[in-house]
């Protein structure tokens, strides 16, 4: 009997330990977000932040360890709000923490949505309740993917890439108040000697190509020619000019032909424009007075964009489409029919992108006197202000152009 009592006591003790251990073991809990930050900026608060850097490192911390196999691009997504474009992300997991990094710079002044789906699970297999957080990047709106951006805040440096002029190639430039307080300063050109030359400008051209800038002419004391606002080897690269009578402007550009070689084509936009020319698909007809009101002594936002897949070039003023042409619609005998896209001419000598003139001072591609920087009284040195010159190796959507104008306008 004594032995049976000992055995029963041992069984009872084992059962009691089992009950105690079992009662102390916690049930798995669902995955839940504890914090979400971009650096030190809280993305998980009651208010969506509006000052997130364009290249953020986002850290999501959860209450329990995350199953790395579920932290995928299917379960963690980011989209650009205005056009629902997906953003490619690098995603890394370390226990309870997920680090999320866009693979390329985001656009400035742009709203983004970060989404975590119910497919994201803890290591115990319990799902997250799907959630969404939003944030806006710092600055005025501009489409993502900018290759170069000159803001002229007391210097002529490229704040995005490496297209900085050397001091010797910045001549007669002052930096004065721009179109509004947020825009800061602009580069001011005197109409006779002012020029900024950016090296390796040929690298800025691309089959898909867009350029945007703010320009304000100054007609006071301007006695010769029009305004050569900017130029890369003239039309052997690209150049933008405003006519002397302020009755039109054009952006001339060199294009790779569908066959071999290159040729130039003007995005010519005069007053009283129509679509009677080869390939023109749209032209807004402005009176001389209306055109002058845009081009003379007022801030104007200019965007030129070429889309290689469609072979369509488009010109915008102040967020509005002004003109477009389609190479596919050129006559069959024209070698530019189906031209591929912008291409720096192999015969061009000067690779400096000039702000304030049609080409650089040395190794000139265009040898005529009117295109010689040294002949101030016989050419079109730009007089006025330039600001926020941006270049992309992609075409821009009409919605992006309008958003950019509205976020930066005077």
Protein backbone atom coordinates (compact mmCIF):
# COMPACT_ATOMS: atom_id res chain seq x y z
CA UNK A 1 0.00 0.00 0.00
CA UNK A 2 2.81 2.33 0.79
CA UNK A 3 4.36 1.75 -2.67
CA UNK A 4 1.01 2.40 -4.38
CA UNK A 5 0.67 5.63 -2.41
CA UNK A 6 4.12 6.81 -3.56
CA UNK A 7 3.28 6.03 -7.20
CA UNK A 8 -0.01 7.92 -6.95
CA UNK A 9 1.76 10.87 -5.35
CA UNK A 10 4.29 10.95 -8.17
CA UNK A 11 1.55 10.80 -10.79
CA UNK A 12 -0.33 13.58 -9.08
CA UNK A 13 2.80 15.73 -8.87
CA UNK A 14 3.57 15.17 -12.57
CA UNK A 15 0.01 16.07 -13.49
CA UNK A 16 0.15 19.17 -11.31
CA UNK A 17 3.44 20.31 -12.95
CA UNK A 18 1.96 19.70 -16.38
CA UNK A 19 -1.10 21.77 -15.52
CA UNK A 20 1.02 24.58 -14.10
CA UNK A 21 3.37 24.63 -17.12
CA UNK A 22 0.45 24.51 -19.53
CA UNK A 23 -1.37 27.29 -17.72
CA UNK A 24 1.78 29.51 -17.85
CA UNK A 25 2.28 29.09 -21.60
CA UNK A 26 0.76 32.09 -23.50
CA UNK A 27 -1.33 31.65 -26.60
CA UNK A 28 0.11 33.19 -29.82
CA UNK A 29 -1.04 36.76 -30.45
CA UNK A 30 -1.88 38.34 -33.81
CA UNK A 31 0.78 40.41 -35.53
CA UNK A 32 0.36 44.13 -34.84
CA UNK A 33 2.32 47.25 -35.81
CA UNK A 34 4.05 48.93 -32.86
CA UNK A 35 5.82 51.79 -34.65
CA UNK A 36 6.56 53.05 -38.14
CA UNK A 37 9.23 55.69 -38.78
CA UNK A 38 11.22 57.19 -41.64
CA UNK A 39 14.41 58.10 -39.80
CA UNK A 40 13.00 60.11 -36.90
CA UNK A 41 9.71 61.00 -38.63
CA UNK A 42 6.65 59.22 -37.26
CA UNK A 43 4.57 57.64 -40.02
CA UNK A 44 2.16 56.00 -37.57
CA UNK A 45 0.68 59.09 -35.94
CA UNK A 46 -2.72 60.70 -36.26
CA UNK A 47 -1.41 63.15 -38.88
CA UNK A 48 0.24 62.16 -42.17
CA UNK A 49 3.70 63.80 -42.24
CA UNK A 50 4.68 66.10 -45.11
CA UNK A 51 8.46 66.31 -44.74
CA UNK A 52 9.73 62.81 -45.58
CA UNK A 53 13.02 62.65 -47.55
CA UNK A 54 12.84 61.47 -51.16
CA UNK A 55 15.09 58.49 -50.31
CA UNK A 56 13.68 57.35 -46.96
CA UNK A 57 14.65 54.31 -44.92
CA UNK A 58 11.39 53.19 -43.33
CA UNK A 59 11.46 51.02 -40.20
CA UNK A 60 8.35 49.05 -39.19
CA UNK A 61 8.49 47.46 -35.73
CA UNK A 62 5.91 44.84 -34.71
CA UNK A 63 4.82 43.33 -31.41
CA UNK A 64 6.18 39.86 -32.22
CA UNK A 65 8.68 38.37 -34.62
CA UNK A 66 7.70 38.45 -38.30
CA UNK A 67 7.78 35.43 -40.59
CA UNK A 68 10.40 36.51 -43.18
CA UNK A 69 8.76 34.37 -45.85
CA UNK A 70 5.68 36.62 -45.73
CA UNK A 71 7.53 39.94 -45.87
CA UNK A 72 7.32 40.10 -49.65
CA UNK A 73 6.61 42.66 -52.36
CA UNK A 74 3.12 41.17 -52.58
CA UNK A 75 2.35 41.94 -48.93
CA UNK A 76 4.23 45.22 -48.51
CA UNK A 77 3.56 47.76 -51.25
CA UNK A 78 3.97 51.45 -51.90
CA UNK A 79 2.14 53.46 -54.54
CA UNK A 80 2.40 57.01 -55.83
CA UNK A 81 -0.95 58.55 -55.01
CA UNK A 82 -1.60 60.78 -58.03
CA UNK A 83 -1.26 58.01 -60.63
CA UNK A 84 -1.22 54.77 -58.58
CA UNK A 85 2.24 53.92 -59.94
CA UNK A 86 3.90 51.14 -57.88
CA UNK A 87 7.20 51.88 -56.17
CA UNK A 88 9.83 49.14 -56.16
CA UNK A 89 11.05 48.39 -52.63
CA UNK A 90 13.93 46.62 -50.93
CA UNK A 91 12.53 44.71 -47.92
CA UNK A 92 14.59 43.20 -45.08
CA UNK A 93 13.43 41.40 -41.91
CA UNK A 94 15.18 41.12 -38.56
CA UNK A 95 12.99 39.48 -35.90
CA UNK A 96 10.29 42.07 -35.12
CA UNK A 97 11.65 44.75 -37.48
CA UNK A 98 11.07 45.21 -41.20
CA UNK A 99 13.24 47.75 -43.07
CA UNK A 100 11.71 49.16 -46.25
CA UNK A 101 13.72 51.22 -48.73
CA UNK A 102 12.64 52.49 -52.17
CA UNK A 103 15.12 51.41 -54.85
CA UNK A 104 15.11 54.89 -56.43
CA UNK A 105 14.46 58.43 -55.25
CA UNK A 106 10.80 59.32 -54.81
CA UNK A 107 9.32 62.48 -56.30
CA UNK A 108 9.40 65.66 -54.27
CA UNK A 109 6.19 67.04 -52.77
CA UNK A 110 4.37 63.81 -53.59
CA UNK A 111 1.86 61.79 -51.56
CA UNK A 112 2.64 58.07 -51.14
CA UNK A 113 0.67 55.17 -49.67
CA UNK A 114 2.44 52.38 -47.80
CA UNK A 115 0.34 49.22 -47.49
CA UNK A 116 0.73 46.12 -45.31
CA UNK A 117 -1.64 43.31 -46.28
CA UNK A 118 -3.10 40.48 -44.20
CA UNK A 119 -0.62 38.18 -45.94
CA UNK A 120 2.06 39.44 -43.57
CA UNK A 121 2.27 37.00 -40.64
CA UNK A 122 4.08 36.37 -37.38
CA UNK A 123 6.37 33.37 -36.94
CA UNK A 124 3.41 31.69 -35.26
CA UNK A 125 1.42 32.06 -38.45
CA UNK A 126 -1.04 34.69 -37.21
CA UNK A 127 -1.91 37.39 -39.72
CA UNK A 128 -1.67 41.16 -39.51
CA UNK A 129 -4.86 43.16 -39.82
CA UNK A 130 -4.29 44.97 -43.11
CA UNK A 131 -3.34 48.63 -42.73
CA UNK A 132 -2.32 51.66 -44.80
CA UNK A 133 -0.24 54.70 -43.93
CA UNK A 134 0.43 57.82 -46.03
CA UNK A 135 3.17 60.41 -46.16
CA UNK A 136 4.28 63.26 -48.40
CA UNK A 137 7.86 63.90 -49.44
CA UNK A 138 9.50 67.24 -48.76
CA UNK A 139 9.58 70.12 -51.24
CA UNK A 140 7.42 71.30 -54.13
CA UNK A 141 6.01 68.62 -56.41
CA UNK A 142 8.25 67.22 -59.13
CA UNK A 143 8.07 63.82 -60.86
CA UNK A 144 10.52 61.20 -59.62
CA UNK A 145 13.62 60.19 -61.54
CA UNK A 146 15.20 63.63 -61.96
CA UNK A 147 18.67 63.34 -63.52
CA UNK A 148 19.74 66.93 -62.82
CA UNK A 149 18.24 69.94 -61.03
CA UNK A 150 19.68 73.45 -60.84
CA UNK A 151 18.01 75.61 -58.17
CA UNK A 152 20.43 78.59 -58.26
CA UNK A 153 20.43 79.19 -54.53
CA UNK A 154 23.49 81.47 -54.63
CA UNK A 155 25.31 78.93 -56.82
CA UNK A 156 24.91 77.06 -60.10
CA UNK A 157 25.38 73.53 -58.76
CA UNK A 158 23.26 70.54 -59.70
CA UNK A 159 21.59 69.40 -56.46
CA UNK A 160 20.68 65.94 -57.83
CA UNK A 161 23.55 64.74 -60.00
CA UNK A 162 27.12 65.76 -60.73
CA UNK A 163 26.56 68.38 -63.42
CA UNK A 164 28.28 71.27 -61.65
CA UNK A 165 29.94 74.04 -63.67
CA UNK A 166 33.48 75.06 -62.77
CA UNK A 167 33.81 78.65 -61.46
CA UNK A 168 35.49 79.82 -64.68
CA UNK A 169 32.37 78.85 -66.63
CA UNK A 170 30.03 81.03 -64.54
CA UNK A 171 30.21 84.53 -66.01
CA UNK A 172 28.18 87.65 -65.20
CA UNK A 173 25.60 85.82 -63.06
CA UNK A 174 23.84 87.26 -60.03
CA UNK A 175 21.35 85.44 -57.81
CA UNK A 176 18.18 87.37 -57.10
CA UNK A 177 14.69 86.72 -55.72
CA UNK A 178 12.75 84.16 -57.74
CA UNK A 179 9.03 83.87 -58.54
CA UNK A 180 7.95 83.33 -54.91
CA UNK A 181 9.39 82.92 -51.44
CA UNK A 182 9.42 79.12 -51.57
CA UNK A 183 11.44 79.18 -54.79
CA UNK A 184 14.22 81.15 -53.12
CA UNK A 185 16.59 82.65 -55.65
CA UNK A 186 17.04 82.51 -59.42
CA UNK A 187 20.02 83.00 -61.74
CA UNK A 188 19.90 86.44 -63.36
CA UNK A 189 21.45 87.06 -66.80
CA UNK A 190 22.49 90.51 -68.03
CA UNK A 191 21.85 90.02 -71.76
CA UNK A 192 25.45 90.63 -72.87
CA UNK A 193 28.01 88.49 -71.04
CA UNK A 194 26.08 86.23 -68.67
CA UNK A 195 26.49 82.49 -69.21
CA UNK A 196 26.71 79.27 -67.20
CA UNK A 197 28.33 76.27 -68.88
CA UNK A 198 27.67 72.78 -67.54
CA UNK A 199 30.17 70.08 -68.57
CA UNK A 200 29.20 66.76 -70.16
CA UNK A 201 25.85 68.06 -71.31
CA UNK A 202 25.70 65.36 -73.99
CA UNK A 203 25.18 62.80 -71.21
CA UNK A 204 21.92 64.55 -70.32
CA UNK A 205 20.28 63.62 -73.61
CA UNK A 206 18.35 60.37 -73.86
CA UNK A 207 15.85 58.58 -76.11
CA UNK A 208 13.15 59.35 -73.54
CA UNK A 209 13.78 62.92 -72.54
CA UNK A 210 12.09 65.76 -70.64
CA UNK A 211 13.24 69.19 -69.54
CA UNK A 212 11.39 71.70 -67.36
CA UNK A 213 12.39 75.19 -66.30
CA UNK A 214 11.10 78.57 -65.17
CA UNK A 215 12.09 81.57 -67.30
CA UNK A 216 11.36 85.29 -67.07
CA UNK A 217 12.62 87.56 -69.82
CA UNK A 218 13.65 91.15 -69.20
CA UNK A 219 12.92 93.34 -72.20
CA UNK A 220 14.25 96.55 -70.63
CA UNK A 221 17.31 97.64 -72.61
CA UNK A 222 17.22 94.49 -74.73
CA UNK A 223 18.22 95.86 -78.15
CA UNK A 224 19.48 92.88 -80.17
CA UNK A 225 17.86 89.65 -81.29
CA UNK A 226 15.70 87.36 -79.26
CA UNK A 227 16.62 85.34 -76.19
CA UNK A 228 18.75 82.20 -76.45
CA UNK A 229 17.60 80.86 -73.09
CA UNK A 230 19.69 77.68 -73.10
CA UNK A 231 21.47 75.43 -75.54
CA UNK A 232 23.56 72.30 -75.91
CA UNK A 233 25.50 72.71 -79.17
CA UNK A 234 22.48 74.52 -80.56
CA UNK A 235 20.13 72.16 -82.38
CA UNK A 236 22.88 69.51 -82.55
CA UNK A 237 21.80 68.77 -78.99
CA UNK A 238 18.85 70.93 -78.00
CA UNK A 239 18.19 74.63 -77.52
CA UNK A 240 15.31 76.87 -76.45
CA UNK A 241 14.86 80.40 -77.73
CA UNK A 242 12.25 83.13 -77.44
CA UNK A 243 11.79 85.22 -80.56
CA UNK A 244 12.79 88.88 -80.57
CA UNK A 245 9.20 90.02 -81.09
CA UNK A 246 7.91 87.80 -78.24
CA UNK A 247 5.50 86.33 -80.79
CA UNK A 248 6.72 82.75 -80.37
CA UNK A 249 9.44 80.40 -79.21
CA UNK A 250 10.91 77.04 -80.13
CA UNK A 251 12.82 74.11 -78.72
CA UNK A 252 15.02 72.63 -81.43
CA UNK A 253 16.43 69.15 -80.85
CA UNK A 254 18.58 66.58 -82.64
CA UNK A 255 16.97 63.14 -83.09
CA UNK A 256 18.23 59.68 -83.92
CA UNK A 257 16.63 58.68 -87.20
CA UNK A 258 14.81 55.40 -87.65
CA UNK A 259 17.34 54.45 -90.32
CA UNK A 260 20.83 55.86 -89.73
CA UNK A 261 22.26 59.17 -88.63
CA UNK A 262 20.56 62.11 -86.93
CA UNK A 263 18.58 65.16 -87.93
CA UNK A 264 17.09 68.17 -86.16
CA UNK A 265 13.42 69.01 -85.67
CA UNK A 266 11.97 72.17 -84.14
CA UNK A 267 9.25 72.21 -81.55
CA UNK A 268 8.31 75.51 -83.14
CA UNK A 269 5.41 77.31 -81.49
CA UNK A 270 4.55 80.69 -83.03
CA UNK A 271 1.48 82.81 -82.46
CA UNK A 272 -1.55 81.92 -84.62
CA UNK A 273 -0.25 78.33 -84.82
CA UNK A 274 -2.16 75.62 -86.66
CA UNK A 275 -1.60 71.94 -87.49
CA UNK A 276 -0.81 72.33 -91.17
CA UNK A 277 2.79 71.20 -90.77
CA UNK A 278 4.11 67.63 -91.02
CA UNK A 279 3.34 65.54 -88.00
CA UNK A 280 1.74 68.31 -85.92
CA UNK A 281 -1.08 66.79 -83.90
CA UNK A 282 -2.02 69.79 -81.77
CA UNK A 283 -1.25 73.50 -81.62
CA UNK A 284 -3.04 76.04 -79.49
CA UNK A 285 -3.66 79.15 -81.58
CA UNK A 286 -2.70 82.22 -79.56
CA UNK A 287 -2.88 85.76 -80.83
CA UNK A 288 0.30 87.80 -80.87
CA UNK A 289 -0.96 89.66 -77.81
CA UNK A 290 -1.69 86.42 -75.96
CA UNK A 291 1.70 84.96 -76.86
CA UNK A 292 3.49 88.15 -75.85
CA UNK A 293 1.68 88.12 -72.51
CA UNK A 294 3.18 84.67 -71.85
CA UNK A 295 6.72 85.31 -73.09
CA UNK A 296 7.50 88.92 -72.20
CA UNK A 297 8.66 89.94 -68.73
CA UNK A 298 6.62 87.33 -66.83
CA UNK A 299 7.51 84.05 -65.21
CA UNK A 300 6.77 81.16 -67.57
CA UNK A 301 6.99 77.44 -66.81
CA UNK A 302 8.23 75.53 -69.85
CA UNK A 303 8.17 71.74 -70.20
CA UNK A 304 9.29 69.76 -73.24
CA UNK A 305 8.79 65.99 -73.20
CA UNK A 306 9.52 63.26 -75.74
CA UNK A 307 8.02 59.78 -75.41
CA UNK A 308 10.04 57.23 -77.40
CA UNK A 309 7.43 54.40 -77.52
CA UNK A 310 4.82 56.66 -79.13
CA UNK A 311 7.33 58.97 -80.88
CA UNK A 312 5.36 61.98 -79.65
CA UNK A 313 6.89 65.27 -78.47
CA UNK A 314 4.85 67.70 -76.37
CA UNK A 315 5.38 71.30 -75.28
CA UNK A 316 3.66 72.76 -72.21
CA UNK A 317 3.46 76.33 -70.95
CA UNK A 318 2.27 76.95 -67.39
CA UNK A 319 0.97 73.39 -67.09
CA UNK A 320 -1.08 73.51 -70.31
CA UNK A 321 -0.34 71.62 -73.52
CA UNK A 322 0.55 74.08 -76.27
CA UNK A 323 1.81 71.89 -79.08
CA UNK A 324 2.60 68.28 -79.98
CA UNK A 325 3.90 66.38 -82.96
CA UNK A 326 4.17 62.69 -83.88
CA UNK A 327 7.07 61.43 -86.00
CA UNK A 328 4.90 58.51 -87.12
CA UNK A 329 2.75 60.99 -89.06
CA UNK A 330 5.59 62.45 -91.12
CA UNK A 331 5.49 61.71 -94.89
CA UNK A 332 6.88 58.33 -95.90
CA UNK A 333 9.73 59.96 -97.83
CA UNK A 334 10.85 62.00 -94.82
CA UNK A 335 13.78 60.27 -93.06
CA UNK A 336 12.47 61.61 -89.73
CA UNK A 337 9.34 59.46 -89.97
CA UNK A 338 9.47 57.18 -86.97
CA UNK A 339 12.56 58.90 -85.53
CA UNK A 340 13.68 57.12 -82.38
CA UNK A 341 14.40 59.95 -79.96
CA UNK A 342 16.72 62.78 -78.89
CA UNK A 343 20.36 62.12 -79.71
CA UNK A 344 23.44 64.31 -79.37
CA UNK A 345 25.01 64.68 -82.80
CA UNK A 346 28.32 62.85 -83.20
CA UNK A 347 29.57 65.77 -85.28
CA UNK A 348 28.97 68.32 -82.55
CA UNK A 349 32.12 69.61 -80.88
CA UNK A 350 30.90 71.50 -77.86
CA UNK A 351 29.45 69.31 -75.12
CA UNK A 352 28.88 72.07 -72.57
CA UNK A 353 25.22 72.81 -71.82
CA UNK A 354 24.92 76.59 -71.79
CA UNK A 355 22.40 78.51 -69.71
CA UNK A 356 21.95 81.99 -71.20
CA UNK A 357 23.11 81.22 -74.75
CA UNK A 358 22.60 78.81 -77.65
CA UNK A 359 25.92 76.99 -77.11
CA UNK A 360 29.15 77.11 -75.15
CA UNK A 361 31.80 79.74 -75.81
CA UNK A 362 34.51 77.40 -77.09
CA UNK A 363 34.49 74.51 -79.60
CA UNK A 364 31.39 76.04 -81.13
CA UNK A 365 29.22 73.80 -83.27
CA UNK A 366 27.42 76.70 -84.98
CA UNK A 367 30.06 78.98 -86.49
CA UNK A 368 27.81 81.86 -87.60
CA UNK A 369 28.47 85.24 -86.00
CA UNK A 370 25.00 85.36 -84.45
CA UNK A 371 25.85 82.18 -82.50
CA UNK A 372 29.19 83.50 -81.26
CA UNK A 373 29.20 84.44 -77.58
CA UNK A 374 31.81 87.13 -78.25
CA UNK A 375 29.54 89.16 -80.57
CA UNK A 376 27.15 90.53 -77.98
CA UNK A 377 25.64 93.11 -80.31
CA UNK A 378 24.81 90.59 -83.03
CA UNK A 379 23.24 87.71 -81.16
CA UNK A 380 20.57 86.76 -78.69
CA UNK A 381 22.22 86.64 -75.28
CA UNK A 382 19.47 85.88 -72.78
CA UNK A 383 18.41 88.70 -70.50
CA UNK A 384 16.27 87.74 -67.55
CA UNK A 385 16.02 84.99 -64.93
CA UNK A 386 16.16 81.21 -64.94
CA UNK A 387 15.19 78.88 -62.12
CA UNK A 388 14.54 75.22 -61.29
CA UNK A 389 15.92 73.64 -64.46
CA UNK A 390 15.22 69.90 -64.32
CA UNK A 391 16.00 67.05 -66.71
CA UNK A 392 14.57 63.52 -66.80
CA UNK A 393 15.37 60.46 -68.90
CA UNK A 394 11.69 59.69 -69.26
CA UNK A 395 8.57 61.29 -70.69
CA UNK A 396 6.28 63.19 -68.35
CA UNK A 397 2.53 62.79 -68.09
CA UNK A 398 0.24 65.76 -68.55
CA UNK A 399 -0.97 65.30 -64.96
CA UNK A 400 2.62 65.51 -63.66
CA UNK A 401 3.29 68.68 -65.62
CA UNK A 402 0.17 70.35 -64.24
CA UNK A 403 0.92 69.27 -60.67
CA UNK A 404 4.46 70.60 -60.98
CA UNK A 405 3.27 73.96 -62.29
CA UNK A 406 0.57 74.33 -59.61
CA UNK A 407 3.00 73.51 -56.80
CA UNK A 408 5.62 76.01 -57.98
CA UNK A 409 3.71 78.83 -59.67
CA UNK A 410 4.13 82.46 -58.54
